[in-house]
Amino acid sequence: MKRPSLLDASGSVKFPYETFPWRLELKDVVCHFECKEHMVKYLNRYDYKPKDVKISNRHGEKYKFRGKKKKST
């Protein structure tokens, strides 16, 4: 049985938390983020590639995947 909060018209199954509009899908894990900066920090920390993840936003905002900046010597 699904929780009643998931069945509200204001929410959806993909985005159950109103305050976490960013969704990151990996092969076996789904993460929700409060802002784009937190998601980017997570992506850089674990060095994920664009082919490994699927990113979506509750409000339809697009995200262009960018790799880490190279340090100049």
PDB file of N, CA and C in Angstrom:
ATOM      1  N   MET A   1       0.852  -1.184   0.000  1.00  0.00           N
ATOM      2  CA  MET A   1       0.000   0.000   0.000  1.00  0.00           C
ATOM      3  C   MET A   1       0.891   1.238   0.000  1.00  0.00           C
ATOM      4  N   LYS A   2       0.549   2.184  -0.845  1.00  0.00           N
ATOM      5  CA  LYS A   2       1.332   3.419  -0.925  1.00  0.00           C
ATOM      6  C   LYS A   2       0.914   4.376   0.178  1.00  0.00           C
ATOM      7  N   ARG A   3       1.889   5.178   0.616  1.00  0.00           N
ATOM      8  CA  ARG A   3       1.595   6.182   1.634  1.00  0.00           C
ATOM      9  C   ARG A   3       0.660   7.235   1.063  1.00  0.00           C
ATOM     10  N   PRO A   4      -0.249   7.767   1.865  1.00  0.00           N
ATOM     11  CA  PRO A   4      -1.182   8.788   1.382  1.00  0.00           C
ATOM     12  C   PRO A   4      -0.473  10.030   0.859  1.00  0.00           C
ATOM     13  N   SER A   5       0.694  10.378   1.429  1.00  0.00           N
ATOM     14  CA  SER A   5       1.399  11.578   0.974  1.00  0.00           C
ATOM     15  C   SER A   5       1.878  11.432  -0.469  1.00  0.00           C
ATOM     16  N   LEU A   6       2.120  10.199  -0.932  1.00  0.00           N
ATOM     17  CA  LEU A   6       2.541   9.989  -2.309  1.00  0.00           C
ATOM     18  C   LEU A   6       1.383  10.113  -3.287  1.00  0.00           C
ATOM     19  N   LEU A   7       0.183  10.005  -2.793  1.00  0.00           N
ATOM     20  CA  LEU A   7      -0.979  10.039  -3.661  1.00  0.00           C
ATOM     21  C   LEU A   7      -1.596  11.428  -3.776  1.00  0.00           C
ATOM     22  N   ASP A   8      -1.038  12.422  -3.049  1.00  0.00           N
ATOM     23  CA  ASP A   8      -1.564  13.782  -3.139  1.00  0.00           C
ATOM     24  C   ASP A   8      -1.386  14.333  -4.547  1.00  0.00           C
ATOM     25  N   ALA A   9      -2.293  15.191  -4.941  1.00  0.00           N
ATOM     26  CA  ALA A   9      -2.197  15.809  -6.259  1.00  0.00           C
ATOM     27  C   ALA A   9      -0.994  16.753  -6.355  1.00  0.00           C
ATOM     28  N   SER A  10      -0.566  17.326  -5.232  1.00  0.00           N
ATOM     29  CA  SER A  10       0.551  18.266  -5.246  1.00  0.00           C
ATOM     30  C   SER A  10       1.892  17.569  -5.439  1.00  0.00           C
ATOM     31  N   GLY A  11       1.993  16.317  -5.087  1.00  0.00           N
ATOM     32  CA  GLY A  11       3.247  15.580  -5.200  1.00  0.00           C
ATOM     33  C   GLY A  11       3.179  14.558  -6.315  1.00  0.00           C
ATOM     34  N   SER A  12       4.274  13.860  -6.519  1.00  0.00           N
ATOM     35  CA  SER A  12       4.284  12.779  -7.496  1.00  0.00           C
ATOM     36  C   SER A  12       5.165  11.662  -6.958  1.00  0.00           C
ATOM     37  N   VAL A  13       5.126  10.522  -7.597  1.00  0.00           N
ATOM     38  CA  VAL A  13       5.920   9.393  -7.143  1.00  0.00           C
ATOM     39  C   VAL A  13       7.397   9.668  -7.397  1.00  0.00           C
ATOM     40  N   LYS A  14       7.725  10.351  -8.502  1.00  0.00           N
ATOM     41  CA  LYS A  14       9.129  10.659  -8.794  1.00  0.00           C
ATOM     42  C   LYS A  14       9.691  11.723  -7.862  1.00  0.00           C
ATOM     43  N   PHE A  15       8.869  12.669  -7.463  1.00  0.00           N
ATOM     44  CA  PHE A  15       9.307  13.763  -6.599  1.00  0.00           C
ATOM     45  C   PHE A  15       8.422  13.833  -5.352  1.00  0.00           C
ATOM     46  N   PRO A  16       8.642  12.941  -4.396  1.00  0.00           N
ATOM     47  CA  PRO A  16       7.780  12.902  -3.217  1.00  0.00           C
ATOM     48  C   PRO A  16       8.018  14.040  -2.235  1.00  0.00           C
ATOM     49  N   TYR A  17       9.156  14.734  -2.361  1.00  0.00           N
ATOM     50  CA  TYR A  17       9.493  15.805  -1.427  1.00  0.00           C
ATOM     51  C   TYR A  17       9.464  17.151  -2.140  1.00  0.00           C
ATOM     52  N   GLU A  18       8.597  18.032  -1.703  1.00  0.00           N
ATOM     53  CA  GLU A  18       8.436  19.331  -2.349  1.00  0.00           C
ATOM     54  C   GLU A  18       9.699  20.184  -2.254  1.00  0.00           C
ATOM     55  N   THR A  19      10.437  20.045  -1.161  1.00  0.00           N
ATOM     56  CA  THR A  19      11.626  20.876  -0.949  1.00  0.00           C
ATOM     57  C   THR A  19      12.880  20.305  -1.609  1.00  0.00           C
ATOM     58  N   PHE A  20      12.784  19.147  -2.245  1.00  0.00           N
ATOM     59  CA  PHE A  20      13.923  18.545  -2.935  1.00  0.00           C
ATOM     60  C   PHE A  20      13.578  18.364  -4.413  1.00  0.00           C
ATOM     61  N   PRO A  21      13.723  19.431  -5.224  1.00  0.00           N
ATOM     62  CA  PRO A  21      13.286  19.366  -6.614  1.00  0.00           C
ATOM     63  C   PRO A  21      14.231  18.622  -7.563  1.00  0.00           C
ATOM     64  N   TRP A  22      15.474  18.379  -7.184  1.00  0.00           N
ATOM     65  CA  TRP A  22      16.423  17.697  -8.064  1.00  0.00           C
ATOM     66  C   TRP A  22      16.449  16.209  -7.760  1.00  0.00           C
ATOM     67  N   ARG A  23      16.407  15.399  -8.820  1.00  0.00           N
ATOM     68  CA  ARG A  23      16.411  13.938  -8.682  1.00  0.00           C
ATOM     69  C   ARG A  23      17.564  13.375  -9.508  1.00  0.00           C
ATOM     70  N   LEU A  24      18.350  12.526  -8.879  1.00  0.00           N
ATOM     71  CA  LEU A  24      19.488  11.884  -9.521  1.00  0.00           C
ATOM     72  C   LEU A  24      19.279  10.384  -9.449  1.00  0.00           C
ATOM     73  N   GLU A  25      19.194   9.741 -10.603  1.00  0.00           N
ATOM     74  CA  GLU A  25      18.981   8.298 -10.657  1.00  0.00           C
ATOM     75  C   GLU A  25      20.269   7.615 -11.082  1.00  0.00           C
ATOM     76  N   LEU A  26      20.701   6.662 -10.282  1.00  0.00           N
ATOM     77  CA  LEU A  26      21.835   5.807 -10.625  1.00  0.00           C
ATOM     78  C   LEU A  26      21.270   4.435 -10.960  1.00  0.00           C
ATOM     79  N   LYS A  27      22.104   3.455 -11.135  1.00  0.00           N
ATOM     80  CA  LYS A  27      21.608   2.119 -11.480  1.00  0.00           C
ATOM     81  C   LYS A  27      20.697   1.543 -10.413  1.00  0.00           C
ATOM     82  N   ASP A  28      21.080   1.684  -9.146  1.00  0.00           N
ATOM     83  CA  ASP A  28      20.306   1.068  -8.075  1.00  0.00           C
ATOM     84  C   ASP A  28      19.947   2.035  -6.952  1.00  0.00           C
ATOM     85  N   VAL A  29      20.214   3.330  -7.135  1.00  0.00           N
ATOM     86  CA  VAL A  29      19.983   4.321  -6.088  1.00  0.00           C
ATOM     87  C   VAL A  29      19.304   5.552  -6.687  1.00  0.00           C
ATOM     88  N   VAL A  30      18.410   6.153  -5.912  1.00  0.00           N
ATOM     89  CA  VAL A  30      17.792   7.416  -6.285  1.00  0.00           C
ATOM     90  C   VAL A  30      18.088   8.423  -5.180  1.00  0.00           C
ATOM     91  N   CYS A  31      18.626   9.581  -5.570  1.00  0.00           N
ATOM     92  CA  CYS A  31      18.956  10.632  -4.611  1.00  0.00           C
ATOM     93  C   CYS A  31      18.142  11.872  -4.925  1.00  0.00           C
ATOM     94  N   HIS A  32      17.735  12.601  -3.898  1.00  0.00           N
ATOM     95  CA  HIS A  32      17.020  13.868  -4.054  1.00  0.00           C
ATOM     96  C   HIS A  32      17.867  14.971  -3.447  1.00  0.00           C
ATOM     97  N   PHE A  33      17.904  16.131  -4.131  1.00  0.00           N
ATOM     98  CA  PHE A  33      18.729  17.239  -3.671  1.00  0.00           C
ATOM     99  C   PHE A  33      17.916  18.516  -3.558  1.00  0.00           C
ATOM    100  N   GLU A  34      18.293  19.340  -2.593  1.00  0.00           N
ATOM    101  CA  GLU A  34      17.614  20.603  -2.332  1.00  0.00           C
ATOM    102  C   GLU A  34      17.958  21.657  -3.369  1.00  0.00           C
ATOM    103  N   CYS A  35      19.192  21.638  -3.889  1.00  0.00           N
ATOM    104  CA  CYS A  35      19.594  22.624  -4.890  1.00  0.00           C
ATOM    105  C   CYS A  35      20.583  21.993  -5.862  1.00  0.00           C
ATOM    106  N   LYS A  36      20.780  22.665  -6.985  1.00  0.00           N
ATOM    107  CA  LYS A  36      21.662  22.171  -8.025  1.00  0.00           C
ATOM    108  C   LYS A  36      23.111  22.079  -7.534  1.00  0.00           C
ATOM    109  N   GLU A  37      23.528  23.024  -6.703  1.00  0.00           N
ATOM    110  CA  GLU A  37      24.908  23.037  -6.209  1.00  0.00           C
ATOM    111  C   GLU A  37      25.228  21.793  -5.381  1.00  0.00           C
ATOM    112  N   HIS A  38      24.290  21.343  -4.576  1.00  0.00           N
ATOM    113  CA  HIS A  38      24.505  20.128  -3.778  1.00  0.00           C
ATOM    114  C   HIS A  38      24.621  18.907  -4.678  1.00  0.00           C
ATOM    115  N   MET A  39      23.817  18.869  -5.731  1.00  0.00           N
ATOM    116  CA  MET A  39      23.872  17.754  -6.664  1.00  0.00           C
ATOM    117  C   MET A  39      25.207  17.742  -7.405  1.00  0.00           C
ATOM    118  N   VAL A  40      25.676  18.894  -7.849  1.00  0.00           N
ATOM    119  CA  VAL A  40      26.949  18.987  -8.557  1.00  0.00           C
ATOM    120  C   VAL A  40      28.094  18.554  -7.642  1.00  0.00           C
ATOM    121  N   LYS A  41      28.038  18.964  -6.388  1.00  0.00           N
ATOM    122  CA  LYS A  41      29.055  18.577  -5.413  1.00  0.00           C
ATOM    123  C   LYS A  41      29.094  17.054  -5.265  1.00  0.00           C
ATOM    124  N   TYR A  42      27.936  16.426  -5.210  1.00  0.00           N
ATOM    125  CA  TYR A  42      27.838  14.969  -5.097  1.00  0.00           C
ATOM    126  C   TYR A  42      28.396  14.293  -6.350  1.00  0.00           C
ATOM    127  N   LEU A  43      28.040  14.814  -7.522  1.00  0.00           N
ATOM    128  CA  LEU A  43      28.524  14.241  -8.778  1.00  0.00           C
ATOM    129  C   LEU A  43      30.045  14.324  -8.869  1.00  0.00           C
ATOM    130  N   ASN A  44      30.605  15.447  -8.479  1.00  0.00           N
ATOM    131  CA  ASN A  44      32.058  15.616  -8.527  1.00  0.00           C
ATOM    132  C   ASN A  44      32.769  14.765  -7.480  1.00  0.00           C
ATOM    133  N   ARG A  45      32.190  14.638  -6.304  1.00  0.00           N
ATOM    134  CA  ARG A  45      32.805  13.864  -5.234  1.00  0.00           C
ATOM    135  C   ARG A  45      32.987  12.407  -5.636  1.00  0.00           C
ATOM    136  N   TYR A  46      31.973  11.830  -6.269  1.00  0.00           N
ATOM    137  CA  TYR A  46      32.032  10.420  -6.622  1.00  0.00           C
ATOM    138  C   TYR A  46      32.384  10.192  -8.093  1.00  0.00           C
ATOM    139  N   ASP A  47      32.699  11.254  -8.805  1.00  0.00           N
ATOM    140  CA  ASP A  47      33.190  11.198 -10.182  1.00  0.00           C
ATOM    141  C   ASP A  47      32.262  10.407 -11.116  1.00  0.00           C
ATOM    142  N   TYR A  48      30.988  10.751 -11.112  1.00  0.00           N
ATOM    143  CA  TYR A  48      30.029  10.111 -12.010  1.00  0.00           C
ATOM    144  C   TYR A  48      30.114  10.720 -13.401  1.00  0.00           C
ATOM    145  N   LYS A  49      29.865   9.914 -14.390  1.00  0.00           N
ATOM    146  CA  LYS A  49      29.866  10.330 -15.792  1.00  0.00           C
ATOM    147  C   LYS A  49      28.419  10.485 -16.271  1.00  0.00           C
ATOM    148  N   PRO A  50      28.202  11.263 -17.333  1.00  0.00           N
ATOM    149  CA  PRO A  50      26.830  11.470 -17.829  1.00  0.00           C
ATOM    150  C   PRO A  50      26.105  10.177 -18.201  1.00  0.00           C
ATOM    151  N   LYS A  51      26.840   9.179 -18.672  1.00  0.00           N
ATOM    152  CA  LYS A  51      26.192   7.907 -19.049  1.00  0.00           C
ATOM    153  C   LYS A  51      25.747   7.092 -17.830  1.00  0.00           C
ATOM    154  N   ASP A  52      26.286   7.421 -16.644  1.00  0.00           N
ATOM    155  CA  ASP A  52      25.975   6.662 -15.429  1.00  0.00           C
ATOM    156  C   ASP A  52      24.736   7.166 -14.695  1.00  0.00           C
ATOM    157  N   VAL A  53      24.302   8.390 -14.994  1.00  0.00           N
ATOM    158  CA  VAL A  53      23.234   9.017 -14.208  1.00  0.00           C
ATOM    159  C   VAL A  53      22.119   9.549 -15.101  1.00  0.00           C
ATOM    160  N   LYS A  54      20.967   9.727 -14.475  1.00  0.00           N
ATOM    161  CA  LYS A  54      19.839  10.398 -15.123  1.00  0.00           C
ATOM    162  C   LYS A  54      19.382  11.491 -14.161  1.00  0.00           C
ATOM    163  N   ILE A  55      19.399  12.742 -14.637  1.00  0.00           N
ATOM    164  CA  ILE A  55      19.074  13.885 -13.791  1.00  0.00           C
ATOM    165  C   ILE A  55      17.764  14.500 -14.257  1.00  0.00           C
ATOM    166  N   SER A  56      16.886  14.791 -13.307  1.00  0.00           N
ATOM    167  CA  SER A  56      15.626  15.452 -13.640  1.00  0.00           C
ATOM    168  C   SER A  56      15.276  16.459 -12.552  1.00  0.00           C
ATOM    169  N   ASN A  57      14.397  17.394 -12.922  1.00  0.00           N
ATOM    170  CA  ASN A  57      13.990  18.454 -12.009  1.00  0.00           C
ATOM    171  C   ASN A  57      12.481  18.523 -11.962  1.00  0.00           C
ATOM    172  N   ARG A  58      11.950  18.777 -10.797  1.00  0.00           N
ATOM    173  CA  ARG A  58      10.502  18.852 -10.593  1.00  0.00           C
ATOM    174  C   ARG A  58       9.854  19.936 -11.449  1.00  0.00           C
ATOM    175  N   HIS A  59      10.570  21.051 -11.653  1.00  0.00           N
ATOM    176  CA  HIS A  59      10.026  22.198 -12.374  1.00  0.00           C
ATOM    177  C   HIS A  59      10.419  22.207 -13.849  1.00  0.00           C
ATOM    178  N   GLY A  60      11.064  21.151 -14.321  1.00  0.00           N
ATOM    179  CA  GLY A  60      11.421  21.036 -15.726  1.00  0.00           C
ATOM    180  C   GLY A  60      12.723  21.726 -16.107  1.00  0.00           C
ATOM    181  N   GLU A  61      13.468  22.202 -15.123  1.00  0.00           N
ATOM    182  CA  GLU A  61      14.744  22.863 -15.406  1.00  0.00           C
ATOM    183  C   GLU A  61      15.742  21.825 -15.909  1.00  0.00           C
ATOM    184  N   LYS A  62      16.463  22.175 -16.969  1.00  0.00           N
ATOM    185  CA  LYS A  62      17.440  21.258 -17.551  1.00  0.00           C
ATOM    186  C   LYS A  62      18.792  21.417 -16.872  1.00  0.00           C
ATOM    187  N   TYR A  63      19.564  20.340 -16.865  1.00  0.00           N
ATOM    188  CA  TYR A  63      20.912  20.380 -16.311  1.00  0.00           C
ATOM    189  C   TYR A  63      21.873  19.900 -17.378  1.00  0.00           C
ATOM    190  N   LYS A  64      22.888  20.710 -17.676  1.00  0.00           N
ATOM    191  CA  LYS A  64      23.916  20.316 -18.628  1.00  0.00           C
ATOM    192  C   LYS A  64      25.097  19.790 -17.838  1.00  0.00           C
ATOM    193  N   PHE A  65      25.441  18.543 -18.072  1.00  0.00           N
ATOM    194  CA  PHE A  65      26.494  17.883 -17.320  1.00  0.00           C
ATOM    195  C   PHE A  65      27.848  18.448 -17.735  1.00  0.00           C
ATOM    196  N   ARG A  66      28.627  18.885 -16.745  1.00  0.00           N
ATOM    197  CA  ARG A  66      29.975  19.389 -16.991  1.00  0.00           C
ATOM    198  C   ARG A  66      30.926  18.656 -16.067  1.00  0.00           C
ATOM    199  N   GLY A  67      32.060  18.292 -16.605  1.00  0.00           N
ATOM    200  CA  GLY A  67      33.076  17.590 -15.818  1.00  0.00           C
ATOM    201  C   GLY A  67      33.824  18.546 -14.911  1.00  0.00           C
ATOM    202  N   LYS A  68      34.764  17.990 -14.173  1.00  0.00           N
ATOM    203  CA  LYS A  68      35.589  18.800 -13.281  1.00  0.00           C
ATOM    204  C   LYS A  68      36.487  19.710 -14.094  1.00  0.00           C
ATOM    205  N   LYS A  69      36.806  20.852 -13.537  1.00  0.00           N
ATOM    206  CA  LYS A  69      37.757  21.754 -14.174  1.00  0.00           C
ATOM    207  C   LYS A  69      39.154  21.235 -13.918  1.00  0.00           C
ATOM    208  N   LYS A  70      39.969  21.277 -14.969  1.00  0.00           N
ATOM    209  CA  LYS A  70      41.350  20.840 -14.831  1.00  0.00           C
ATOM    210  C   LYS A  70      42.177  21.945 -14.184  1.00  0.00           C
ATOM    211  N   LYS A  71      43.069  21.550 -13.309  1.00  0.00           N
ATOM    212  CA  LYS A  71      43.937  22.519 -12.669  1.00  0.00           C
ATOM    213  C   LYS A  71      45.083  22.855 -13.615  1.00  0.00           C
ATOM    214  N   SER A  72      45.388  24.131 -13.709  1.00  0.00           N
ATOM    215  CA  SER A  72      46.512  24.532 -14.550  1.00  0.00           C
ATOM    216  C   SER A  72      47.790  24.545 -13.724  1.00  0.00           C
ATOM    217  N   THR A  73      48.892  24.220 -14.362  1.00  0.00           N
ATOM    218  CA  THR A  73      50.172  24.181 -13.643  1.00  0.00           C
ATOM    219  C   THR A  73      51.036  25.361 -13.985  1.00  0.00           C
TER     220      THR A  73
END
